[in-house]
Amino acid sequence: MRVAPHVFTIAAAVAVTLLAGRVYQPVRAETPAPMTVEQLAALEARALAAAGSPAGLTAPESMQVQIRKGETFEQAIRRTGVGLEEAKAVVATIAGAFDVSQLGAGLKFETAVARPRGGRGGDSRLIGLTMRTGPASQLTVSRTFDGALRLRALEEKVTHETVVLKSEVKGSLYATAQRMGASGAVTRKAVQLFSHKFDMDRDIKGSDEFTLVFARTVTETGRVVETGELLYAELKGQVFYRYKPVGGGETQYFDATGKNTRSAFMRTPLAGGYRMSSSFGYRRHPISGYRRMHQGIDFAAGTGTPIVAPADGVVVEARRWGGYGNWLRIRHSNGLESGYGHLSRYASGIRPGQRVRQGQVVAYVGSTGASTGPHLHYEIWRNGQRINPAGVKTQEGTILSGAELTAFRAEKARIDRVILAGGERRAGQASALRPASNG
């Protein structure tokens, strides 16, 4: 696990040298016993000490397999070149301790296969198989010294962390947060929140400091297996605390006083790194060379940068439109509409009539149509007329009161304690696929 998920498959494959000259033996059913990282390391060392190739077969080679749609686990194993009897034996070995019906399309596993030497006919031989069954759990099938199949389970210990990430902006907030270990989802949420208050290109400088607090689960070897939601974000004096109402409902973000930080319209619609490359007003067109009115704002950003809806609305258009290339238009409240040009593609499910929520990814930056490079052309319309997006006024959200305010203050105090302590850690368990039923 310290090197790569497939190292155990290779270790089992190398151990096959001890099987030279032996015939295939029946499956040995065995209840899987958890192995520690240290035990697996010792197994690998013994296997490497006996390195070689099986008689009549090539040295084992690693092959990654993914179960295809409509394919069984057994059929996926057969695609490695092993025979039907051997594939059934492997499935039976795993089924003795694990519910193989959970192994559906899309699941990947690593195999080590030895093939007949000199291009001679015949089936290949499966030497080992490794399959991840959960964020911190894995099954390994290998051969014993007498040729039987043995199943081993590895379950890593996990720790639940609340991470407090503090830094100055270096380049862009998005890039800085990701370099420091924040997930894409956490970073996008932070940028979305800050976009209610700032123009993320013009208002944020390299010396500005920010703080992000989020939960994550890591294994004992330091691998992140799950990242939770953003709990807190701070930039230039603006703070955002995550809070879920006591009676249920949508998770929201509030300032220190319990005021909803969500405004009616976000300042910018991009969730990643970008810069404003052209403002609203007259300019010399970069392609035609003529001076003409630029009725929007251009944001230079890499192809594939997510674009989010600046407010709740309904998709009106998602089509090709002349020089705009792939074009998207969303109708919002109060006579406002937003438009997006030169898109590389639309987000899943985006089509006319589709409702979208503020902050939802709706499309991705591209360079389609009359474009000199990847960027977003962004427009705002009011009652059918284009207006300067930078001039759109926003309204602040509501304020908590009563029992909800009391509950929010308790959650705020908890987050503040975590920030003061620099984070927190506690032992836990990670979810996995279900084991086989005893019934």
Protein backbone atom coordinates (compact mmCIF):
# COMPACT_ATOMS: atom_id res chain seq x y z
CA MET A 1 0.00 0.00 0.00
CA ARG A 2 2.95 2.35 0.58
CA VAL A 3 4.08 2.03 -3.04
CA ALA A 4 1.04 1.39 -5.23
CA PRO A 5 -2.19 -0.66 -5.05
CA HIS A 6 -0.88 -3.28 -7.49
CA VAL A 7 2.36 -4.07 -5.62
CA PHE A 8 0.65 -6.92 -3.78
CA THR A 9 -0.47 -8.50 -7.03
CA ILE A 10 3.09 -8.41 -8.35
CA ALA A 11 4.42 -9.81 -5.08
CA ALA A 12 2.03 -12.74 -5.35
CA ALA A 13 3.01 -13.20 -8.98
CA VAL A 14 6.71 -13.41 -8.23
CA ALA A 15 6.05 -16.06 -5.56
CA VAL A 16 4.87 -18.43 -8.28
CA THR A 17 8.48 -19.58 -8.81
CA LEU A 18 7.94 -22.01 -5.97
CA LEU A 19 5.20 -23.68 -7.99
CA ALA A 20 7.40 -24.76 -10.95
CA GLY A 21 6.54 -28.23 -12.19
CA ARG A 22 3.37 -28.55 -10.09
CA VAL A 23 -0.06 -29.21 -11.56
CA TYR A 24 -3.14 -27.15 -10.81
CA GLN A 25 -4.67 -27.96 -7.43
CA PRO A 26 -8.28 -27.59 -6.31
CA VAL A 27 -9.36 -24.36 -4.63
CA ARG A 28 -8.59 -24.17 -0.96
CA ALA A 29 -11.45 -22.34 0.69
CA GLU A 30 -10.20 -20.17 3.49
CA THR A 31 -11.76 -17.52 5.67
CA PRO A 32 -9.87 -14.32 4.89
CA ALA A 33 -7.76 -13.10 7.77
CA PRO A 34 -6.86 -9.41 7.93
CA MET A 35 -3.20 -8.69 7.19
CA THR A 36 -1.27 -5.74 8.44
CA VAL A 37 0.98 -3.63 6.23
CA GLU A 38 4.00 -5.18 7.99
CA GLN A 39 2.81 -8.75 7.25
CA LEU A 40 2.30 -7.93 3.60
CA ALA A 41 5.76 -6.38 3.42
CA ALA A 42 7.25 -9.63 4.81
CA LEU A 43 5.27 -11.65 2.25
CA GLU A 44 6.58 -9.44 -0.54
CA ALA A 45 10.18 -9.85 0.67
CA ARG A 46 9.89 -13.67 0.63
CA ALA A 47 8.36 -13.59 -2.82
CA LEU A 48 11.07 -11.34 -4.23
CA ALA A 49 13.75 -13.63 -2.80
CA ALA A 50 12.35 -16.47 -4.89
CA ALA A 51 11.99 -14.47 -8.13
CA GLY A 52 11.75 -16.44 -11.39
CA SER A 53 9.29 -17.75 -13.96
CA PRO A 54 6.90 -20.72 -13.85
CA ALA A 55 7.92 -23.74 -15.94
CA GLY A 56 6.60 -23.38 -19.47
CA LEU A 57 5.20 -19.92 -18.79
CA THR A 58 6.48 -16.39 -19.19
CA ALA A 59 7.25 -14.17 -16.23
CA PRO A 60 3.97 -12.84 -14.76
CA GLU A 61 2.85 -9.53 -16.22
CA SER A 62 0.55 -7.00 -14.60
CA MET A 63 -2.79 -6.34 -16.26
CA GLN A 64 -5.53 -3.99 -15.07
CA VAL A 65 -9.08 -5.10 -15.82
CA GLN A 66 -12.33 -3.14 -15.61
CA ILE A 67 -15.68 -4.91 -15.51
CA ARG A 68 -17.71 -3.84 -18.55
CA LYS A 69 -21.41 -3.06 -18.70
CA GLY A 70 -23.40 -6.30 -18.85
CA GLU A 71 -20.33 -8.38 -17.95
CA THR A 72 -19.92 -10.67 -14.94
CA PHE A 73 -16.84 -10.74 -12.72
CA GLU A 74 -16.00 -14.19 -14.11
CA GLN A 75 -16.19 -12.93 -17.71
CA ALA A 76 -13.89 -10.04 -16.84
CA ILE A 77 -11.33 -12.48 -15.46
CA ARG A 78 -11.57 -14.58 -18.63
CA ARG A 79 -10.48 -11.57 -20.68
CA THR A 80 -7.01 -11.92 -19.15
CA GLY A 81 -6.61 -15.17 -21.10
CA VAL A 82 -7.10 -17.69 -18.29
CA GLY A 83 -9.29 -20.76 -18.77
CA LEU A 84 -12.89 -21.18 -17.68
CA GLU A 85 -12.08 -23.60 -14.84
CA GLU A 86 -9.50 -21.26 -13.37
CA ALA A 87 -11.77 -18.21 -13.66
CA LYS A 88 -14.51 -20.10 -11.82
CA ALA A 89 -12.01 -21.09 -9.13
CA VAL A 90 -11.02 -17.47 -8.55
CA VAL A 91 -14.66 -16.38 -8.30
CA ALA A 92 -15.39 -19.21 -5.87
CA THR A 93 -12.42 -18.22 -3.72
CA ILE A 94 -13.63 -14.63 -3.40
CA ALA A 95 -17.31 -15.62 -3.04
CA GLY A 96 -16.44 -17.61 0.07
CA ALA A 97 -15.86 -14.37 1.95
CA PHE A 98 -17.33 -11.60 -0.17
CA ASP A 99 -20.58 -10.83 -1.99
CA VAL A 100 -19.44 -10.94 -5.63
CA SER A 101 -22.80 -9.51 -6.76
CA GLN A 102 -21.42 -6.18 -5.55
CA LEU A 103 -18.71 -6.33 -8.22
CA GLY A 104 -20.51 -4.50 -11.00
CA ALA A 105 -19.65 -2.54 -14.13
CA GLY A 106 -16.88 0.00 -13.71
CA LEU A 107 -15.03 -1.78 -10.90
CA LYS A 108 -11.31 -2.18 -11.61
CA PHE A 109 -8.92 -4.85 -10.36
CA GLU A 110 -5.28 -5.71 -10.94
CA THR A 111 -4.12 -9.14 -12.11
CA ALA A 112 -0.77 -10.84 -12.66
CA VAL A 113 -0.89 -13.37 -15.51
CA ALA A 114 1.74 -15.79 -16.82
CA ARG A 115 1.34 -16.78 -20.50
CA PRO A 116 2.53 -19.89 -22.43
CA ARG A 117 6.14 -19.56 -23.62
CA GLY A 118 7.07 -19.32 -27.29
CA GLY A 119 3.56 -18.48 -28.44
CA ARG A 120 2.37 -22.03 -27.74
CA GLY A 121 -1.36 -22.50 -27.43
CA GLY A 122 -3.17 -23.02 -24.17
CA ASP A 123 -4.59 -20.91 -21.41
CA SER A 124 -2.69 -18.35 -19.44
CA ARG A 125 -2.38 -18.78 -15.69
CA LEU A 126 -3.63 -16.30 -13.12
CA ILE A 127 -0.88 -15.84 -10.54
CA GLY A 128 -2.46 -13.11 -8.45
CA LEU A 129 -5.36 -10.67 -8.25
CA THR A 130 -5.81 -7.52 -6.18
CA MET A 131 -9.10 -5.69 -5.83
CA ARG A 132 -10.03 -2.67 -3.75
CA THR A 133 -13.33 -3.26 -1.94
CA GLY A 134 -13.52 0.03 -0.09
CA PRO A 135 -11.64 3.26 0.51
CA ALA A 136 -9.23 1.52 2.90
CA SER A 137 -9.82 -2.18 2.26
CA GLN A 138 -8.51 -4.60 -0.34
CA LEU A 139 -8.65 -8.30 -1.24
CA THR A 140 -5.67 -10.20 -2.65
CA VAL A 141 -5.90 -13.64 -4.27
CA SER A 142 -2.57 -15.47 -4.56
CA ARG A 143 -1.30 -19.03 -4.90
CA THR A 144 0.10 -21.04 -2.02
CA PHE A 145 3.19 -23.22 -2.40
CA ASP A 146 1.05 -26.22 -3.41
CA GLY A 147 -0.78 -24.27 -6.14
CA ALA A 148 -4.07 -23.64 -4.32
CA LEU A 149 -5.70 -20.21 -4.26
CA ARG A 150 -5.68 -18.20 -1.05
CA LEU A 151 -7.63 -15.08 -0.20
CA ARG A 152 -6.19 -12.37 2.02
CA ALA A 153 -7.85 -9.19 3.27
CA LEU A 154 -6.09 -5.94 4.08
CA GLU A 155 -7.95 -3.34 6.10
CA GLU A 156 -6.06 -0.10 6.74
CA LYS A 157 -6.80 2.01 9.75
CA VAL A 158 -8.31 5.38 8.92
CA THR A 159 -8.34 8.72 10.68
CA HIS A 160 -11.00 11.42 10.37
CA GLU A 161 -9.36 14.84 10.20
CA THR A 162 -10.65 18.38 10.29
CA VAL A 163 -8.04 20.32 8.32
CA VAL A 164 -7.31 24.01 8.85
CA LEU A 165 -5.58 25.30 5.73
CA LYS A 166 -4.06 28.81 5.87
CA SER A 167 -2.01 30.51 3.18
CA GLU A 168 -1.39 33.63 1.15
CA VAL A 169 -2.80 33.62 -2.37
CA LYS A 170 -0.03 32.58 -4.77
CA GLY A 171 -1.16 32.96 -8.37
CA SER A 172 -4.85 32.35 -7.73
CA LEU A 173 -6.81 31.23 -4.71
CA TYR A 174 -8.07 28.18 -6.62
CA ALA A 175 -4.59 26.99 -7.60
CA THR A 176 -3.11 27.75 -4.17
CA ALA A 177 -5.79 25.79 -2.28
CA GLN A 178 -5.42 22.78 -4.55
CA ARG A 179 -1.62 22.79 -4.24
CA MET A 180 -2.04 22.69 -0.46
CA GLY A 181 -4.32 19.64 -0.53
CA ALA A 182 -7.87 20.97 -0.78
CA SER A 183 -10.09 18.90 -3.08
CA GLY A 184 -11.63 20.32 -6.23
CA ALA A 185 -15.10 20.32 -4.64
CA VAL A 186 -13.92 22.19 -1.53
CA THR A 187 -12.00 24.73 -3.62
CA ARG A 188 -14.90 25.36 -5.98
CA LYS A 189 -17.26 25.92 -3.05
CA ALA A 190 -14.84 28.43 -1.49
CA VAL A 191 -14.46 30.34 -4.77
CA GLN A 192 -18.23 30.33 -5.19
CA LEU A 193 -18.73 31.82 -1.72
CA PHE A 194 -16.07 34.46 -2.19
CA SER A 195 -17.55 35.35 -5.58
CA HIS A 196 -20.57 36.74 -3.75
CA LYS A 197 -18.30 39.42 -2.25
CA PHE A 198 -15.34 39.86 -4.58
CA ASP A 199 -14.32 39.97 -8.19
CA MET A 200 -11.88 37.09 -7.88
CA ASP A 201 -9.61 38.52 -10.59
CA ARG A 202 -9.42 42.21 -9.71
CA ASP A 203 -10.11 42.28 -5.95
CA ILE A 204 -7.74 39.50 -4.80
CA LYS A 205 -3.99 40.20 -4.55
CA GLY A 206 -1.00 37.95 -3.98
CA SER A 207 -0.55 39.10 -0.39
CA ASP A 208 -4.15 38.33 0.65
CA GLU A 209 -4.46 35.52 3.19
CA PHE A 210 -7.24 32.95 3.25
CA THR A 211 -8.36 30.13 5.56
CA LEU A 212 -10.30 27.00 4.62
CA VAL A 213 -11.58 24.36 7.05
CA PHE A 214 -12.83 21.01 5.78
CA ALA A 215 -13.13 17.39 6.88
CA ARG A 216 -11.40 14.43 5.27
CA THR A 217 -10.60 10.77 5.92
CA VAL A 218 -7.05 9.45 5.46
CA THR A 219 -5.49 6.00 5.76
CA GLU A 220 -2.55 5.15 8.02
CA THR A 221 -0.26 5.56 4.99
CA GLY A 222 -1.54 9.10 4.41
CA ARG A 223 -3.78 8.43 1.38
CA VAL A 224 -6.91 10.59 1.28
CA VAL A 225 -9.94 8.36 0.74
CA GLU A 226 -12.76 10.85 1.28
CA THR A 227 -13.15 14.62 1.56
CA GLY A 228 -16.13 16.21 3.27
CA GLU A 229 -17.78 19.56 2.77
CA LEU A 230 -16.23 22.98 3.33
CA LEU A 231 -16.92 24.00 6.95
CA TYR A 232 -15.42 27.49 7.02
CA ALA A 233 -13.85 29.97 4.62
CA GLU A 234 -12.26 33.36 5.25
CA LEU A 235 -10.76 35.93 2.89
CA LYS A 236 -10.07 39.64 3.43
CA GLY A 237 -12.28 39.80 6.52
CA GLN A 238 -15.22 37.99 4.94
CA VAL A 239 -16.09 34.77 6.79
CA PHE A 240 -18.45 31.92 5.90
CA TYR A 241 -19.63 29.25 8.35
CA ARG A 242 -21.36 26.11 7.10
CA TYR A 243 -24.68 25.41 8.86
CA LYS A 244 -27.45 22.90 8.25
CA PRO A 245 -30.84 23.95 9.69
CA VAL A 246 -32.02 21.94 12.71
CA GLY A 247 -35.25 20.88 11.03
CA GLY A 248 -33.44 19.72 7.89
CA GLY A 249 -33.22 21.47 4.56
CA GLU A 250 -30.44 22.87 2.44
CA THR A 251 -26.98 23.40 3.88
CA GLN A 252 -26.16 27.12 3.81
CA TYR A 253 -23.31 29.46 4.72
CA PHE A 254 -23.63 32.37 7.15
CA ASP A 255 -21.40 35.15 8.42
CA ALA A 256 -20.37 35.43 12.07
CA THR A 257 -23.66 37.11 13.04
CA GLY A 258 -25.88 34.42 11.48
CA LYS A 259 -26.65 36.34 8.28
CA ASN A 260 -26.96 34.27 5.13
CA THR A 261 -24.01 35.20 2.91
CA ARG A 262 -25.77 34.13 -0.26
CA SER A 263 -26.50 37.13 -2.47
CA ALA A 264 -29.01 37.25 -5.30
CA PHE A 265 -26.27 37.29 -7.95
CA MET A 266 -22.63 36.18 -7.81
CA ARG A 267 -19.99 38.62 -9.03
CA THR A 268 -18.30 36.10 -11.35
CA PRO A 269 -19.46 32.77 -12.85
CA LEU A 270 -16.16 30.87 -12.88
CA ALA A 271 -15.20 28.25 -10.31
CA GLY A 272 -11.50 27.98 -11.22
CA GLY A 273 -8.44 30.10 -11.94
CA TYR A 274 -9.00 32.93 -14.43
CA ARG A 275 -8.34 36.59 -15.21
CA MET A 276 -10.48 39.24 -16.85
CA SER A 277 -9.07 39.73 -20.36
CA SER A 278 -11.61 42.20 -21.77
CA SER A 279 -14.13 44.45 -20.04
CA PHE A 280 -17.54 45.78 -21.08
CA GLY A 281 -17.39 48.71 -23.55
CA TYR A 282 -15.81 49.78 -26.83
CA ARG A 283 -12.63 47.98 -27.91
CA ARG A 284 -10.72 46.89 -31.00
CA HIS A 285 -11.97 43.43 -31.90
CA PRO A 286 -9.10 40.92 -31.76
CA ILE A 287 -10.21 39.13 -34.96
CA SER A 288 -11.87 41.74 -37.22
CA GLY A 289 -9.60 44.60 -36.12
CA TYR A 290 -12.56 47.05 -36.07
CA ARG A 291 -13.47 49.15 -33.06
CA ARG A 292 -16.83 47.99 -31.79
CA MET A 293 -18.91 47.61 -28.64
CA HIS A 294 -18.01 44.62 -26.51
CA GLN A 295 -21.29 43.78 -24.80
CA GLY A 296 -19.94 41.48 -22.11
CA ILE A 297 -16.85 40.55 -20.12
CA ASP A 298 -14.21 38.06 -21.24
CA PHE A 299 -12.45 35.82 -18.72
CA ALA A 300 -9.28 34.07 -19.86
CA ALA A 301 -9.23 30.54 -18.39
CA GLY A 302 -8.07 27.08 -19.34
CA THR A 303 -10.23 24.81 -21.45
CA GLY A 304 -12.48 22.78 -19.18
CA THR A 305 -12.63 25.34 -16.34
CA PRO A 306 -16.07 24.90 -14.70
CA ILE A 307 -18.68 27.66 -15.20
CA VAL A 308 -21.38 28.04 -12.55
CA ALA A 309 -24.81 29.65 -12.58
CA PRO A 310 -24.56 33.05 -10.81
CA ALA A 311 -28.14 32.70 -9.53
CA ASP A 312 -31.09 30.32 -9.62
CA GLY A 313 -32.76 30.16 -13.01
CA VAL A 314 -34.02 28.20 -16.01
CA VAL A 315 -31.98 27.29 -19.10
CA VAL A 316 -33.41 29.10 -22.15
CA GLU A 317 -30.83 28.20 -24.81
CA ALA A 318 -28.05 25.61 -25.13
CA ARG A 319 -27.04 25.59 -28.78
CA ARG A 320 -24.53 26.64 -31.41
CA TRP A 321 -24.82 30.38 -32.15
CA GLY A 322 -22.55 31.84 -34.84
CA GLY A 323 -19.39 33.49 -33.57
CA TYR A 324 -20.33 32.66 -29.97
CA GLY A 325 -19.72 28.98 -30.72
CA ASN A 326 -21.38 26.80 -28.10
CA TRP A 327 -23.77 29.20 -26.41
CA LEU A 328 -25.80 29.00 -23.16
CA ARG A 329 -28.44 31.42 -21.85
CA ILE A 330 -30.14 31.23 -18.45
CA ARG A 331 -33.21 33.23 -17.34
CA HIS A 332 -33.16 34.49 -13.74
CA SER A 333 -35.61 36.51 -11.65
CA ASN A 334 -36.16 40.31 -11.87
CA GLY A 335 -35.86 40.36 -15.68
CA LEU A 336 -32.21 39.22 -15.66
CA GLU A 337 -30.63 36.71 -18.01
CA SER A 338 -27.02 35.49 -18.25
CA GLY A 339 -25.24 34.35 -21.41
CA TYR A 340 -22.06 32.28 -21.93
CA GLY A 341 -20.10 31.94 -25.19
CA HIS A 342 -17.25 29.84 -26.67
CA LEU A 343 -18.03 26.86 -24.40
CA SER A 344 -16.17 23.58 -24.85
CA ARG A 345 -19.19 21.61 -23.60
CA TYR A 346 -22.28 21.74 -21.40
CA ALA A 347 -22.59 20.11 -17.99
CA SER A 348 -24.60 16.91 -17.74
CA GLY A 349 -28.35 17.47 -18.00
CA ILE A 350 -28.13 21.09 -19.20
CA ARG A 351 -30.82 21.65 -21.83
CA PRO A 352 -33.65 24.18 -22.47
CA GLY A 353 -36.23 24.07 -19.69
CA GLN A 354 -33.81 22.68 -17.11
CA ARG A 355 -33.81 24.44 -13.72
CA VAL A 356 -30.41 25.31 -12.24
CA ARG A 357 -29.35 26.51 -8.81
CA GLN A 358 -26.89 29.19 -7.88
CA GLY A 359 -23.35 27.78 -7.92
CA GLN A 360 -24.30 24.72 -9.99
CA VAL A 361 -21.79 23.84 -12.74
CA VAL A 362 -23.58 24.46 -16.06
CA ALA A 363 -20.78 24.40 -18.67
CA TYR A 364 -17.03 24.47 -19.26
CA VAL A 365 -14.68 27.04 -20.78
CA GLY A 366 -13.60 26.47 -24.38
CA SER A 367 -12.64 28.23 -27.60
CA THR A 368 -15.50 27.44 -29.99
CA GLY A 369 -16.77 29.96 -32.54
CA ALA A 370 -14.86 33.18 -33.31
CA SER A 371 -12.24 32.90 -30.60
CA THR A 372 -8.49 33.49 -30.38
CA GLY A 373 -8.01 31.13 -27.42
CA PRO A 374 -9.75 29.51 -24.44
CA HIS A 375 -11.93 32.03 -22.60
CA LEU A 376 -15.47 32.70 -21.42
CA HIS A 377 -17.53 35.49 -22.97
CA TYR A 378 -20.05 36.43 -20.25
CA GLU A 379 -23.12 38.62 -20.77
CA ILE A 380 -25.95 39.91 -18.60
CA TRP A 381 -29.29 40.97 -20.08
CA ARG A 382 -31.96 43.03 -18.27
CA ASN A 383 -35.39 43.06 -19.90
CA GLY A 384 -33.85 42.04 -23.23
CA GLN A 385 -31.01 44.62 -23.19
CA ARG A 386 -27.34 43.83 -22.57
CA ILE A 387 -25.88 45.57 -19.52
CA ASN A 388 -22.46 45.67 -17.84
CA PRO A 389 -22.19 42.52 -15.66
CA ALA A 390 -19.98 44.42 -13.22
CA GLY A 391 -22.86 46.79 -12.47
CA VAL A 392 -25.42 44.21 -11.38
CA LYS A 393 -26.61 44.98 -7.84
CA THR A 394 -26.96 42.13 -5.36
CA GLN A 395 -29.25 41.65 -2.39
CA GLU A 396 -28.14 40.02 0.84
CA GLY A 397 -29.80 36.97 2.36
CA THR A 398 -31.86 36.50 5.49
CA ILE A 399 -30.74 36.43 9.15
CA LEU A 400 -31.17 33.49 11.53
CA SER A 401 -33.18 33.98 14.70
CA GLY A 402 -34.56 32.05 17.67
CA ALA A 403 -33.62 28.38 18.03
CA GLU A 404 -31.87 28.36 14.65
CA LEU A 405 -29.59 31.21 15.71
CA THR A 406 -28.77 29.40 18.97
CA ALA A 407 -27.90 26.20 17.08
CA PHE A 408 -25.81 28.15 14.58
CA ARG A 409 -23.84 29.84 17.38
CA ALA A 410 -23.04 26.42 18.89
CA GLU A 411 -21.75 25.14 15.53
CA LYS A 412 -19.77 28.37 15.00
CA ALA A 413 -18.15 27.95 18.45
CA ARG A 414 -17.15 24.38 17.58
CA ILE A 415 -15.54 25.45 14.29
CA ASP A 416 -13.76 28.34 16.03
CA ARG A 417 -12.25 25.89 18.56
CA VAL A 418 -11.00 23.68 15.73
CA ILE A 419 -9.39 26.69 14.02
CA LEU A 420 -7.74 27.79 17.28
CA ALA A 421 -6.35 24.27 17.79
CA GLY A 422 -5.07 24.11 14.20
CA GLY A 423 -7.32 21.15 13.33
CA GLU A 424 -8.39 17.87 14.94
CA ARG A 425 -7.98 14.11 14.40
CA ARG A 426 -9.95 11.07 15.54
CA ALA A 427 -9.84 7.38 14.70
CA GLY A 428 -12.64 5.97 12.59
CA GLN A 429 -13.77 3.40 10.06
CA ALA A 430 -14.12 3.74 6.30
CA SER A 431 -17.05 2.22 4.42
CA ALA A 432 -16.48 -0.78 2.15
CA LEU A 433 -18.38 -3.12 -0.13
CA ARG A 434 -20.42 -5.72 1.72
CA PRO A 435 -18.90 -9.07 2.76
CA ALA A 436 -20.66 -12.28 1.86
CA SER A 437 -23.71 -13.20 3.89
CA ASN A 438 -23.46 -16.16 6.24
CA GLY A 439 -26.93 -17.18 5.17
